[in-house]
Amino acid sequence: MPPVNLKRLAQELNLSIATVSRALQDSHEVSAQTKERVKALADELGYQPNAYASSLRRNISKTIGVVIPEVNNHFFSLAINGIEEVARQNGYHVLIYLTHDDYEREVDITQYLTGGRVDGLLMSVASGSQDFGHLQKLYASKPAIVFFDRVCDALSTANVTTNDYESGYLATKHLLDAGCRHIAHLLLSGNLSIGRMRMQGYQAALQENGLPFDETLVLTGYGDDEQNTELITNLLRSRPEIDGIFASVERLAISSYQACHNLGRAIPETIKIIGFSNLGVASLLAPALTTITQPAYEIGKEAARILLRAIEKKKPILPSQSLTLKSELFARKSTARE
């Protein structure tokens, strides 16, 4: 028996190989009747497409790259799960590149990827990024890029994010409603839109409640947890009136707990803490951490869907395809009233 390939299907149906191939790809160039004949015979003979040969013909590798700042952040772990599910369903492999939140490492990775090693890229920008020239060069060589969470506004492509302004406002208002009046805001970078939007939400909530914005209550952390703990400890020591902390990233919320422990500050009796976090054990911390939780898994899935749709259809990715998903506040003991 000859192998069940496109050539055999074409011979038995008296069609060209090109027509059979288009029919199996559900092309609009082939009539519905012909598609039905081709698919019926393919099912009958147990035809399985040769993914490698198909990739060569279409000049694609069936591989996408994912560039993220860190893996010990539960948001990115969940986002990768969502990305991998969509990629697997569509017959794609995933390569993960880790910047460790370092600008220079991000530049090196993007230079490597400029060589065309993947069909498309999903990316969350490092908080230490100083400018976006390296991303503009990458985009010029590989326009199939979708940003998620930490985005680059300089590129005309799609972003998948959460409602960062509203979430920043909601987190701050939650602390104000709990009785806080001197709220510190902790962030990793003011260069990225994610940091700016959460900061603006923080400022709006203060203004709405008649409280002035105090720049000395804003602390920019680093990638190192030990350094962050020391910075927060020093801030709390120098400003003992601080009665609330809004940590805009997960690791700064954990460092805040450690800083409060170092100073003997009881949570929530003397200071209340809320943080952006997808930490699965947030409810098991002592005390349980109040969180703004992002739909990380869905963000990963939606970003991958936008990218793969563009790759498969050979169409550009447009800013109009961007999505904003809603985060959710989970109130726990770290912000409870006395």
C-alpha atoms as a PDB file:
ATOM      1  CA  MET A   1       0.000   0.000   0.000  1.00  0.00           C
ATOM      2  CA  PRO A   2       1.404   3.430  -0.910  1.00  0.00           C
ATOM      3  CA  PRO A   3       1.761   5.892   2.006  1.00  0.00           C
ATOM      4  CA  VAL A   4      -1.252   8.028   2.828  1.00  0.00           C
ATOM      5  CA  ASN A   5       0.097  11.423   1.831  1.00  0.00           C
ATOM      6  CA  LEU A   6      -1.111  14.389  -0.198  1.00  0.00           C
ATOM      7  CA  LYS A   7       0.026  12.748  -3.437  1.00  0.00           C
ATOM      8  CA  ARG A   8      -2.050   9.594  -2.827  1.00  0.00           C
ATOM      9  CA  LEU A   9      -5.129  11.598  -1.833  1.00  0.00           C
ATOM     10  CA  ALA A  10      -4.758  13.696  -4.978  1.00  0.00           C
ATOM     11  CA  GLN A  11      -4.425  10.607  -7.219  1.00  0.00           C
ATOM     12  CA  GLU A  12      -7.472   8.857  -5.774  1.00  0.00           C
ATOM     13  CA  LEU A  13      -9.612  11.984  -6.027  1.00  0.00           C
ATOM     14  CA  ASN A  14      -8.219  13.044  -9.416  1.00  0.00           C
ATOM     15  CA  LEU A  15      -7.252  16.435  -8.008  1.00  0.00           C
ATOM     16  CA  SER A  16      -4.017  18.377  -7.877  1.00  0.00           C
ATOM     17  CA  ILE A  17      -1.835  18.135  -4.757  1.00  0.00           C
ATOM     18  CA  ALA A  18      -2.235  21.887  -4.289  1.00  0.00           C
ATOM     19  CA  THR A  19      -6.039  21.610  -4.272  1.00  0.00           C
ATOM     20  CA  VAL A  20      -5.970  18.767  -1.744  1.00  0.00           C
ATOM     21  CA  SER A  21      -3.605  20.748   0.481  1.00  0.00           C
ATOM     22  CA  ARG A  22      -5.814  23.840   0.349  1.00  0.00           C
ATOM     23  CA  ALA A  23      -8.915  21.761   1.059  1.00  0.00           C
ATOM     24  CA  LEU A  24      -7.347  20.273   4.194  1.00  0.00           C
ATOM     25  CA  GLN A  25      -6.414  23.803   5.316  1.00  0.00           C
ATOM     26  CA  ASP A  26     -10.044  24.906   4.811  1.00  0.00           C
ATOM     27  CA  SER A  27      -9.005  27.476   2.196  1.00  0.00           C
ATOM     28  CA  HIS A  28     -11.689  29.748   0.730  1.00  0.00           C
ATOM     29  CA  GLU A  29     -10.217  28.983  -2.706  1.00  0.00           C
ATOM     30  CA  VAL A  30     -11.708  25.464  -2.614  1.00  0.00           C
ATOM     31  CA  SER A  31     -15.425  24.712  -2.882  1.00  0.00           C
ATOM     32  CA  ALA A  32     -17.285  23.246   0.084  1.00  0.00           C
ATOM     33  CA  GLN A  33     -18.111  20.108  -1.951  1.00  0.00           C
ATOM     34  CA  THR A  34     -14.443  19.464  -2.768  1.00  0.00           C
ATOM     35  CA  LYS A  35     -13.408  20.077   0.841  1.00  0.00           C
ATOM     36  CA  GLU A  36     -15.964  17.496   1.963  1.00  0.00           C
ATOM     37  CA  ARG A  37     -14.665  14.890  -0.527  1.00  0.00           C
ATOM     38  CA  VAL A  38     -11.038  15.460   0.470  1.00  0.00           C
ATOM     39  CA  LYS A  39     -11.678  15.363   4.210  1.00  0.00           C
ATOM     40  CA  ALA A  40     -13.871  12.263   3.922  1.00  0.00           C
ATOM     41  CA  LEU A  41     -11.145  10.314   2.111  1.00  0.00           C
ATOM     42  CA  ALA A  42      -8.458  11.613   4.458  1.00  0.00           C
ATOM     43  CA  ASP A  43     -10.467  10.330   7.421  1.00  0.00           C
ATOM     44  CA  GLU A  44     -11.163   7.005   5.719  1.00  0.00           C
ATOM     45  CA  LEU A  45      -7.492   6.359   4.931  1.00  0.00           C
ATOM     46  CA  GLY A  46      -6.197   7.708   8.241  1.00  0.00           C
ATOM     47  CA  TYR A  47      -4.199  10.558   6.699  1.00  0.00           C
ATOM     48  CA  GLN A  48      -1.864  12.361   9.126  1.00  0.00           C
ATOM     49  CA  PRO A  49      -0.205  15.609   7.961  1.00  0.00           C
ATOM     50  CA  ASN A  50       3.591  15.797   7.990  1.00  0.00           C
ATOM     51  CA  ALA A  51       4.088  18.746  10.325  1.00  0.00           C
ATOM     52  CA  TYR A  52       7.784  19.119   9.498  1.00  0.00           C
ATOM     53  CA  ALA A  53       7.242  19.175   5.726  1.00  0.00           C
ATOM     54  CA  SER A  54       4.331  21.558   6.123  1.00  0.00           C
ATOM     55  CA  SER A  55       6.494  23.895   8.166  1.00  0.00           C
ATOM     56  CA  LEU A  56       9.227  23.900   5.519  1.00  0.00           C
ATOM     57  CA  ARG A  57       6.725  24.670   2.751  1.00  0.00           C
ATOM     58  CA  ARG A  58       5.257  27.537   4.719  1.00  0.00           C
ATOM     59  CA  ASN A  59       8.655  28.809   5.935  1.00  0.00           C
ATOM     60  CA  ILE A  60       7.704  28.532   9.600  1.00  0.00           C
ATOM     61  CA  SER A  61       9.329  26.701  12.497  1.00  0.00           C
ATOM     62  CA  LYS A  62       6.132  26.007  14.491  1.00  0.00           C
ATOM     63  CA  THR A  63       7.946  27.561  17.467  1.00  0.00           C
ATOM     64  CA  ILE A  64       7.168  30.720  19.429  1.00  0.00           C
ATOM     65  CA  GLY A  65       9.378  32.488  21.927  1.00  0.00           C
ATOM     66  CA  VAL A  66       8.274  33.781  25.329  1.00  0.00           C
ATOM     67  CA  VAL A  67      10.433  36.434  27.011  1.00  0.00           C
ATOM     68  CA  ILE A  68       9.656  37.044  30.691  1.00  0.00           C
ATOM     69  CA  PRO A  69      11.406  38.865  33.563  1.00  0.00           C
ATOM     70  CA  GLU A  70      11.228  36.071  36.144  1.00  0.00           C
ATOM     71  CA  VAL A  71       9.774  32.651  36.898  1.00  0.00           C
ATOM     72  CA  ASN A  72       9.509  32.891  40.687  1.00  0.00           C
ATOM     73  CA  ASN A  73       6.595  35.288  40.253  1.00  0.00           C
ATOM     74  CA  HIS A  74       3.375  33.281  40.230  1.00  0.00           C
ATOM     75  CA  PHE A  75       1.823  35.581  37.647  1.00  0.00           C
ATOM     76  CA  PHE A  76       4.350  34.509  35.012  1.00  0.00           C
ATOM     77  CA  SER A  77       4.098  30.831  35.940  1.00  0.00           C
ATOM     78  CA  LEU A  78       0.351  30.931  35.333  1.00  0.00           C
ATOM     79  CA  ALA A  79       0.703  32.999  32.155  1.00  0.00           C
ATOM     80  CA  ILE A  80       3.158  30.434  30.732  1.00  0.00           C
ATOM     81  CA  ASN A  81       0.634  27.675  31.426  1.00  0.00           C
ATOM     82  CA  GLY A  82      -1.977  29.555  29.404  1.00  0.00           C
ATOM     83  CA  ILE A  83       0.469  30.216  26.572  1.00  0.00           C
ATOM     84  CA  GLU A  84       1.609  26.589  26.452  1.00  0.00           C
ATOM     85  CA  GLU A  85      -1.960  25.282  26.291  1.00  0.00           C
ATOM     86  CA  VAL A  86      -2.847  27.392  23.255  1.00  0.00           C
ATOM     87  CA  ALA A  87       0.486  26.631  21.568  1.00  0.00           C
ATOM     88  CA  ARG A  88       0.050  22.873  22.089  1.00  0.00           C
ATOM     89  CA  GLN A  89      -3.507  22.942  20.715  1.00  0.00           C
ATOM     90  CA  ASN A  90      -2.149  24.572  17.564  1.00  0.00           C
ATOM     91  CA  GLY A  91       0.880  22.294  17.153  1.00  0.00           C
ATOM     92  CA  TYR A  92       3.473  24.854  18.257  1.00  0.00           C
ATOM     93  CA  HIS A  93       6.458  24.522  20.579  1.00  0.00           C
ATOM     94  CA  VAL A  94       7.377  27.151  23.177  1.00  0.00           C
ATOM     95  CA  LEU A  95      10.876  28.442  23.957  1.00  0.00           C
ATOM     96  CA  ILE A  96      11.181  30.468  27.169  1.00  0.00           C
ATOM     97  CA  TYR A  97      13.809  33.178  27.598  1.00  0.00           C
ATOM     98  CA  LEU A  98      14.439  34.693  31.032  1.00  0.00           C
ATOM     99  CA  THR A  99      15.766  38.258  31.426  1.00  0.00           C
ATOM    100  CA  HIS A 100      15.963  38.175  35.255  1.00  0.00           C
ATOM    101  CA  ASP A 101      14.485  41.694  35.072  1.00  0.00           C
ATOM    102  CA  ASP A 102      17.818  42.908  33.669  1.00  0.00           C
ATOM    103  CA  TYR A 103      17.949  45.405  30.793  1.00  0.00           C
ATOM    104  CA  GLU A 104      21.278  44.235  29.359  1.00  0.00           C
ATOM    105  CA  ARG A 105      20.143  40.617  29.364  1.00  0.00           C
ATOM    106  CA  GLU A 106      16.935  41.618  27.625  1.00  0.00           C
ATOM    107  CA  VAL A 107      18.971  43.406  24.932  1.00  0.00           C
ATOM    108  CA  ASP A 108      21.102  40.281  24.392  1.00  0.00           C
ATOM    109  CA  ILE A 109      18.032  38.051  24.083  1.00  0.00           C
ATOM    110  CA  THR A 110      16.306  40.312  21.570  1.00  0.00           C
ATOM    111  CA  GLN A 111      19.482  40.534  19.466  1.00  0.00           C
ATOM    112  CA  TYR A 112      19.620  36.731  19.420  1.00  0.00           C
ATOM    113  CA  LEU A 113      15.979  36.493  18.373  1.00  0.00           C
ATOM    114  CA  THR A 114      16.433  39.012  15.573  1.00  0.00           C
ATOM    115  CA  GLY A 115      17.991  36.150  13.611  1.00  0.00           C
ATOM    116  CA  GLY A 116      14.556  34.612  12.982  1.00  0.00           C
ATOM    117  CA  ARG A 117      14.751  31.586  15.299  1.00  0.00           C
ATOM    118  CA  VAL A 118      11.043  31.682  16.183  1.00  0.00           C
ATOM    119  CA  ASP A 119       7.878  32.437  14.229  1.00  0.00           C
ATOM    120  CA  GLY A 120       6.630  34.974  16.741  1.00  0.00           C
ATOM    121  CA  LEU A 121       7.223  36.352  20.194  1.00  0.00           C
ATOM    122  CA  LEU A 122       5.265  36.917  23.387  1.00  0.00           C
ATOM    123  CA  MET A 123       7.021  39.334  25.701  1.00  0.00           C
ATOM    124  CA  SER A 124       6.804  41.001  29.097  1.00  0.00           C
ATOM    125  CA  VAL A 125       9.389  43.766  29.398  1.00  0.00           C
ATOM    126  CA  ALA A 126      12.027  43.881  32.151  1.00  0.00           C
ATOM    127  CA  SER A 127      11.374  46.532  34.800  1.00  0.00           C
ATOM    128  CA  GLY A 128      14.956  47.755  34.374  1.00  0.00           C
ATOM    129  CA  SER A 129      14.461  48.645  30.697  1.00  0.00           C
ATOM    130  CA  GLN A 130      15.931  52.097  30.082  1.00  0.00           C
ATOM    131  CA  ASP A 131      14.789  52.602  26.492  1.00  0.00           C
ATOM    132  CA  PHE A 132      13.180  50.509  23.795  1.00  0.00           C
ATOM    133  CA  GLY A 133      15.601  50.831  20.875  1.00  0.00           C
ATOM    134  CA  HIS A 134      16.432  47.117  21.028  1.00  0.00           C
ATOM    135  CA  LEU A 135      12.739  46.231  20.841  1.00  0.00           C
ATOM    136  CA  GLN A 136      12.219  48.531  17.866  1.00  0.00           C
ATOM    137  CA  LYS A 137      15.057  46.744  16.030  1.00  0.00           C
ATOM    138  CA  LEU A 138      13.507  43.379  16.862  1.00  0.00           C
ATOM    139  CA  TYR A 139      10.095  44.547  15.660  1.00  0.00           C
ATOM    140  CA  ALA A 140      11.610  45.732  12.379  1.00  0.00           C
ATOM    141  CA  SER A 141      12.881  42.192  11.705  1.00  0.00           C
ATOM    142  CA  LYS A 142      10.006  40.237  13.279  1.00  0.00           C
ATOM    143  CA  PRO A 143       6.697  42.120  13.463  1.00  0.00           C
ATOM    144  CA  ALA A 144       4.823  39.144  15.003  1.00  0.00           C
ATOM    145  CA  ILE A 145       5.150  40.342  18.606  1.00  0.00           C
ATOM    146  CA  VAL A 146       2.499  40.557  21.320  1.00  0.00           C
ATOM    147  CA  PHE A 147       3.261  42.116  24.707  1.00  0.00           C
ATOM    148  CA  PHE A 148       1.557  41.032  27.908  1.00  0.00           C
ATOM    149  CA  ASP A 149       1.451  42.579  31.379  1.00  0.00           C
ATOM    150  CA  ARG A 150       4.589  44.754  31.089  1.00  0.00           C
ATOM    151  CA  VAL A 151       4.221  46.297  27.656  1.00  0.00           C
ATOM    152  CA  CYS A 152       6.213  48.532  25.301  1.00  0.00           C
ATOM    153  CA  ASP A 153       4.033  51.402  24.113  1.00  0.00           C
ATOM    154  CA  ALA A 154       6.661  52.407  21.530  1.00  0.00           C
ATOM    155  CA  LEU A 155       5.688  49.550  19.188  1.00  0.00           C
ATOM    156  CA  SER A 156       2.526  49.443  17.101  1.00  0.00           C
ATOM    157  CA  THR A 157       1.323  45.992  18.116  1.00  0.00           C
ATOM    158  CA  ALA A 158      -1.183  44.301  20.421  1.00  0.00           C
ATOM    159  CA  ASN A 159      -0.940  44.244  24.212  1.00  0.00           C
ATOM    160  CA  VAL A 160      -2.783  42.029  26.691  1.00  0.00           C
ATOM    161  CA  THR A 161      -2.968  43.629  30.124  1.00  0.00           C
ATOM    162  CA  THR A 162      -5.166  44.133  33.145  1.00  0.00           C
ATOM    163  CA  ASN A 163      -7.013  47.274  34.236  1.00  0.00           C
ATOM    164  CA  ASP A 164      -3.959  48.643  36.063  1.00  0.00           C
ATOM    165  CA  TYR A 165      -5.289  52.151  36.720  1.00  0.00           C
ATOM    166  CA  GLU A 166      -8.575  50.922  38.188  1.00  0.00           C
ATOM    167  CA  SER A 167      -6.761  48.238  40.194  1.00  0.00           C
ATOM    168  CA  GLY A 168      -4.288  50.775  41.605  1.00  0.00           C
ATOM    169  CA  TYR A 169      -7.192  52.997  42.578  1.00  0.00           C
ATOM    170  CA  LEU A 170      -9.114  50.104  44.119  1.00  0.00           C
ATOM    171  CA  ALA A 171      -6.104  48.900  46.148  1.00  0.00           C
ATOM    172  CA  THR A 172      -5.469  52.361  47.582  1.00  0.00           C
ATOM    173  CA  LYS A 173      -9.145  53.003  48.310  1.00  0.00           C
ATOM    174  CA  HIS A 174      -9.314  49.673  50.129  1.00  0.00           C
ATOM    175  CA  LEU A 175      -6.521  50.825  52.457  1.00  0.00           C
ATOM    176  CA  LEU A 176      -8.189  54.214  52.949  1.00  0.00           C
ATOM    177  CA  ASP A 177     -11.494  52.548  53.796  1.00  0.00           C
ATOM    178  CA  ALA A 178      -9.598  50.415  56.327  1.00  0.00           C
ATOM    179  CA  GLY A 179      -8.507  53.605  58.101  1.00  0.00           C
ATOM    180  CA  CYS A 180      -5.031  54.196  56.601  1.00  0.00           C
ATOM    181  CA  ARG A 181      -3.948  57.808  56.033  1.00  0.00           C
ATOM    182  CA  HIS A 182      -0.211  57.511  55.340  1.00  0.00           C
ATOM    183  CA  ILE A 183       0.093  54.983  52.538  1.00  0.00           C
ATOM    184  CA  ALA A 184       3.427  54.011  51.007  1.00  0.00           C
ATOM    185  CA  HIS A 185       3.457  52.972  47.356  1.00  0.00           C
ATOM    186  CA  LEU A 186       6.071  50.407  46.285  1.00  0.00           C
ATOM    187  CA  LEU A 187       6.976  49.759  42.641  1.00  0.00           C
ATOM    188  CA  LEU A 188       9.804  48.307  40.566  1.00  0.00           C
ATOM    189  CA  SER A 189       9.846  50.758  37.657  1.00  0.00           C
ATOM    190  CA  GLY A 190       8.292  54.043  36.672  1.00  0.00           C
ATOM    191  CA  ASN A 191       9.487  53.619  33.087  1.00  0.00           C
ATOM    192  CA  LEU A 192       6.826  51.063  32.154  1.00  0.00           C
ATOM    193  CA  SER A 193       3.156  51.862  31.619  1.00  0.00           C
ATOM    194  CA  ILE A 194       2.158  49.191  34.144  1.00  0.00           C
ATOM    195  CA  GLY A 195       3.944  51.126  36.905  1.00  0.00           C
ATOM    196  CA  ARG A 196       2.668  54.503  35.748  1.00  0.00           C
ATOM    197  CA  MET A 197      -0.952  53.364  35.555  1.00  0.00           C
ATOM    198  CA  ARG A 198      -0.944  51.778  39.012  1.00  0.00           C
ATOM    199  CA  MET A 199       0.706  54.911  40.405  1.00  0.00           C
ATOM    200  CA  GLN A 200      -1.939  57.114  38.792  1.00  0.00           C
ATOM    201  CA  GLY A 201      -4.679  55.009  40.353  1.00  0.00           C
ATOM    202  CA  TYR A 202      -2.947  55.399  43.740  1.00  0.00           C
ATOM    203  CA  GLN A 203      -2.765  59.181  43.299  1.00  0.00           C
ATOM    204  CA  ALA A 204      -6.406  59.431  42.204  1.00  0.00           C
ATOM    205  CA  ALA A 205      -7.652  57.595  45.290  1.00  0.00           C
ATOM    206  CA  LEU A 206      -5.614  59.867  47.573  1.00  0.00           C
ATOM    207  CA  GLN A 207      -6.918  62.993  45.851  1.00  0.00           C
ATOM    208  CA  GLU A 208     -10.501  61.791  46.017  1.00  0.00           C
ATOM    209  CA  ASN A 209     -10.114  61.415  49.788  1.00  0.00           C
ATOM    210  CA  GLY A 210      -8.527  64.843  50.260  1.00  0.00           C
ATOM    211  CA  LEU A 211      -5.021  63.528  50.926  1.00  0.00           C
ATOM    212  CA  PRO A 212      -1.923  65.046  49.313  1.00  0.00           C
ATOM    213  CA  PHE A 213       0.424  62.996  47.149  1.00  0.00           C
ATOM    214  CA  ASP A 214       3.752  62.678  48.987  1.00  0.00           C
ATOM    215  CA  GLU A 215       6.641  61.628  46.738  1.00  0.00           C
ATOM    216  CA  THR A 216       8.686  60.574  49.779  1.00  0.00           C
ATOM    217  CA  LEU A 217       6.170  57.774  50.381  1.00  0.00           C
ATOM    218  CA  VAL A 218       6.938  56.269  46.949  1.00  0.00           C
ATOM    219  CA  LEU A 219       9.721  53.680  46.924  1.00  0.00           C
ATOM    220  CA  THR A 220      11.253  52.074  43.833  1.00  0.00           C
ATOM    221  CA  GLY A 221      12.609  48.612  44.553  1.00  0.00           C
ATOM    222  CA  TYR A 222      15.104  46.429  42.720  1.00  0.00           C
ATOM    223  CA  GLY A 223      15.278  42.841  41.564  1.00  0.00           C
ATOM    224  CA  ASP A 224      17.018  41.614  44.724  1.00  0.00           C
ATOM    225  CA  ASP A 225      14.629  40.631  47.542  1.00  0.00           C
ATOM    226  CA  GLU A 226      17.206  41.275  50.261  1.00  0.00           C
ATOM    227  CA  GLN A 227      17.841  44.794  48.978  1.00  0.00           C
ATOM    228  CA  ASN A 228      14.118  45.457  48.741  1.00  0.00           C
ATOM    229  CA  THR A 229      13.576  44.354  52.335  1.00  0.00           C
ATOM    230  CA  GLU A 230      16.345  46.690  53.491  1.00  0.00           C
ATOM    231  CA  LEU A 231      14.887  49.612  51.508  1.00  0.00           C
ATOM    232  CA  ILE A 232      11.399  49.071  52.934  1.00  0.00           C
ATOM    233  CA  THR A 233      12.784  48.619  56.453  1.00  0.00           C
ATOM    234  CA  ASN A 234      14.627  51.939  56.176  1.00  0.00           C
ATOM    235  CA  LEU A 235      11.509  53.682  54.835  1.00  0.00           C
ATOM    236  CA  LEU A 236       9.351  52.420  57.697  1.00  0.00           C
ATOM    237  CA  ARG A 237      12.030  53.314  60.231  1.00  0.00           C
ATOM    238  CA  SER A 238      12.335  56.876  58.926  1.00  0.00           C
ATOM    239  CA  ARG A 239       8.571  57.336  58.477  1.00  0.00           C
ATOM    240  CA  PRO A 240       6.938  55.613  61.467  1.00  0.00           C
ATOM    241  CA  GLU A 241       3.598  57.249  60.658  1.00  0.00           C
ATOM    242  CA  ILE A 242       3.160  54.959  57.628  1.00  0.00           C
ATOM    243  CA  ASP A 243       0.082  52.858  58.358  1.00  0.00           C
ATOM    244  CA  GLY A 244      -0.496  51.285  54.946  1.00  0.00           C
ATOM    245  CA  ILE A 245       1.562  49.736  52.145  1.00  0.00           C
ATOM    246  CA  PHE A 246       0.425  49.252  48.549  1.00  0.00           C
ATOM    247  CA  ALA A 247       2.924  46.914  46.873  1.00  0.00           C
ATOM    248  CA  SER A 248       2.410  47.059  43.107  1.00  0.00           C
ATOM    249  CA  VAL A 249       4.282  43.769  42.526  1.00  0.00           C
ATOM    250  CA  GLU A 250       4.258  40.471  44.389  1.00  0.00           C
ATOM    251  CA  ARG A 251       7.859  40.375  45.578  1.00  0.00           C
ATOM    252  CA  LEU A 252       7.562  43.809  47.208  1.00  0.00           C
ATOM    253  CA  ALA A 253       4.566  42.612  49.236  1.00  0.00           C
ATOM    254  CA  ILE A 254       6.627  39.704  50.605  1.00  0.00           C
ATOM    255  CA  SER A 255       9.561  42.020  51.335  1.00  0.00           C
ATOM    256  CA  SER A 256       7.139  44.314  53.187  1.00  0.00           C
ATOM    257  CA  TYR A 257       6.167  41.443  55.477  1.00  0.00           C
ATOM    258  CA  GLN A 258       9.830  40.817  56.227  1.00  0.00           C
ATOM    259  CA  ALA A 259      10.487  44.516  56.863  1.00  0.00           C
ATOM    260  CA  CYS A 260       7.567  44.715  59.287  1.00  0.00           C
ATOM    261  CA  HIS A 261       8.883  41.618  61.059  1.00  0.00           C
ATOM    262  CA  ASN A 262      12.317  43.228  61.340  1.00  0.00           C
ATOM    263  CA  LEU A 263      10.822  46.311  63.010  1.00  0.00           C
ATOM    264  CA  GLY A 264       8.247  44.526  65.137  1.00  0.00           C
ATOM    265  CA  ARG A 265       5.375  46.205  63.259  1.00  0.00           C
ATOM    266  CA  ALA A 266       2.209  44.131  63.742  1.00  0.00           C
ATOM    267  CA  ILE A 267       0.094  43.476  60.638  1.00  0.00           C
ATOM    268  CA  PRO A 268      -2.714  44.616  60.456  1.00  0.00           C
ATOM    269  CA  GLU A 269      -2.801  46.255  63.921  1.00  0.00           C
ATOM    270  CA  THR A 270      -0.163  48.934  63.231  1.00  0.00           C
ATOM    271  CA  ILE A 271       0.206  48.699  59.464  1.00  0.00           C
ATOM    272  CA  LYS A 272      -1.899  47.210  56.661  1.00  0.00           C
ATOM    273  CA  ILE A 273      -0.580  45.680  53.430  1.00  0.00           C
ATOM    274  CA  ILE A 274      -2.128  45.010  50.028  1.00  0.00           C
ATOM    275  CA  GLY A 275      -0.259  43.776  46.981  1.00  0.00           C
ATOM    276  CA  PHE A 276      -0.636  42.690  43.378  1.00  0.00           C
ATOM    277  CA  SER A 277      -0.112  38.960  43.632  1.00  0.00           C
ATOM    278  CA  ASN A 278      -1.112  35.608  42.149  1.00  0.00           C
ATOM    279  CA  LEU A 279       0.554  33.829  45.052  1.00  0.00           C
ATOM    280  CA  GLY A 280      -1.356  30.606  45.645  1.00  0.00           C
ATOM    281  CA  VAL A 281      -0.529  30.585  49.356  1.00  0.00           C
ATOM    282  CA  ALA A 282      -1.464  34.251  49.975  1.00  0.00           C
ATOM    283  CA  SER A 283      -4.289  33.066  52.225  1.00  0.00           C
ATOM    284  CA  LEU A 284      -1.824  30.957  54.262  1.00  0.00           C
ATOM    285  CA  LEU A 285       0.583  33.778  55.130  1.00  0.00           C
ATOM    286  CA  ALA A 286       0.551  35.109  58.676  1.00  0.00           C
ATOM    287  CA  PRO A 287      -1.533  37.184  58.399  1.00  0.00           C
ATOM    288  CA  ALA A 288      -3.255  36.265  55.134  1.00  0.00           C
ATOM    289  CA  LEU A 289      -2.309  38.772  52.418  1.00  0.00           C
ATOM    290  CA  THR A 290      -4.962  40.945  50.765  1.00  0.00           C
ATOM    291  CA  THR A 291      -4.311  40.809  47.027  1.00  0.00           C
ATOM    292  CA  ILE A 292      -5.188  42.308  43.685  1.00  0.00           C
ATOM    293  CA  THR A 293      -5.129  39.096  41.639  1.00  0.00           C
ATOM    294  CA  GLN A 294      -4.667  39.243  37.874  1.00  0.00           C
ATOM    295  CA  PRO A 295      -6.231  36.693  35.482  1.00  0.00           C
ATOM    296  CA  ALA A 296      -2.718  35.512  34.577  1.00  0.00           C
ATOM    297  CA  TYR A 297      -3.703  32.240  32.920  1.00  0.00           C
ATOM    298  CA  GLU A 298      -6.249  33.985  30.686  1.00  0.00           C
ATOM    299  CA  ILE A 299      -3.762  36.739  29.843  1.00  0.00           C
ATOM    300  CA  GLY A 300      -1.317  34.103  28.614  1.00  0.00           C
ATOM    301  CA  LYS A 301      -4.006  32.315  26.578  1.00  0.00           C
ATOM    302  CA  GLU A 302      -5.309  35.484  24.931  1.00  0.00           C
ATOM    303  CA  ALA A 303      -1.823  36.744  24.067  1.00  0.00           C
ATOM    304  CA  ALA A 304      -0.974  33.384  22.471  1.00  0.00           C
ATOM    305  CA  ARG A 305      -4.246  33.326  20.512  1.00  0.00           C
ATOM    306  CA  ILE A 306      -3.589  36.773  19.019  1.00  0.00           C
ATOM    307  CA  LEU A 307      -0.036  35.803  18.058  1.00  0.00           C
ATOM    308  CA  LEU A 308      -0.823  32.407  16.531  1.00  0.00           C
ATOM    309  CA  ARG A 309      -3.805  33.747  14.615  1.00  0.00           C
ATOM    310  CA  ALA A 310      -1.543  36.338  12.991  1.00  0.00           C
ATOM    311  CA  ILE A 311       1.180  33.788  12.212  1.00  0.00           C
ATOM    312  CA  GLU A 312      -1.202  31.258  10.674  1.00  0.00           C
ATOM    313  CA  LYS A 313      -3.071  33.816   8.593  1.00  0.00           C
ATOM    314  CA  LYS A 314       0.099  35.780   7.758  1.00  0.00           C
ATOM    315  CA  LYS A 315      -1.559  38.996   8.846  1.00  0.00           C
ATOM    316  CA  PRO A 316      -0.095  41.925  10.807  1.00  0.00           C
ATOM    317  CA  ILE A 317      -0.839  42.303  14.508  1.00  0.00           C
ATOM    318  CA  LEU A 318      -2.652  45.582  15.138  1.00  0.00           C
ATOM    319  CA  PRO A 319      -2.967  47.694  18.316  1.00  0.00           C
ATOM    320  CA  SER A 320      -6.753  47.389  17.900  1.00  0.00           C
ATOM    321  CA  GLN A 321      -6.425  43.693  18.830  1.00  0.00           C
ATOM    322  CA  SER A 322      -5.263  44.633  22.343  1.00  0.00           C
ATOM    323  CA  LEU A 323      -7.222  43.288  25.310  1.00  0.00           C
ATOM    324  CA  THR A 324      -7.671  44.497  28.884  1.00  0.00           C
ATOM    325  CA  LEU A 325      -8.817  41.858  31.383  1.00  0.00           C
ATOM    326  CA  LYS A 326     -10.112  42.665  34.858  1.00  0.00           C
ATOM    327  CA  SER A 327      -8.232  41.917  38.069  1.00  0.00           C
ATOM    328  CA  GLU A 328     -10.006  41.085  41.322  1.00  0.00           C
ATOM    329  CA  LEU A 329      -9.470  42.245  44.897  1.00  0.00           C
ATOM    330  CA  PHE A 330      -9.429  39.524  47.579  1.00  0.00           C
ATOM    331  CA  ALA A 331      -9.684  41.097  51.038  1.00  0.00           C
ATOM    332  CA  ARG A 332      -7.892  39.147  53.760  1.00  0.00           C
ATOM    333  CA  LYS A 333      -6.534  39.757  57.258  1.00  0.00           C
ATOM    334  CA  SER A 334      -3.529  41.934  56.272  1.00  0.00           C
ATOM    335  CA  THR A 335      -5.919  44.872  55.729  1.00  0.00           C
ATOM    336  CA  ALA A 336      -8.540  44.042  58.362  1.00  0.00           C
ATOM    337  CA  ARG A 337      -9.741  46.776  60.731  1.00  0.00           C
ATOM    338  CA  GLU A 338      -8.772  46.359  64.366  1.00  0.00           C
END
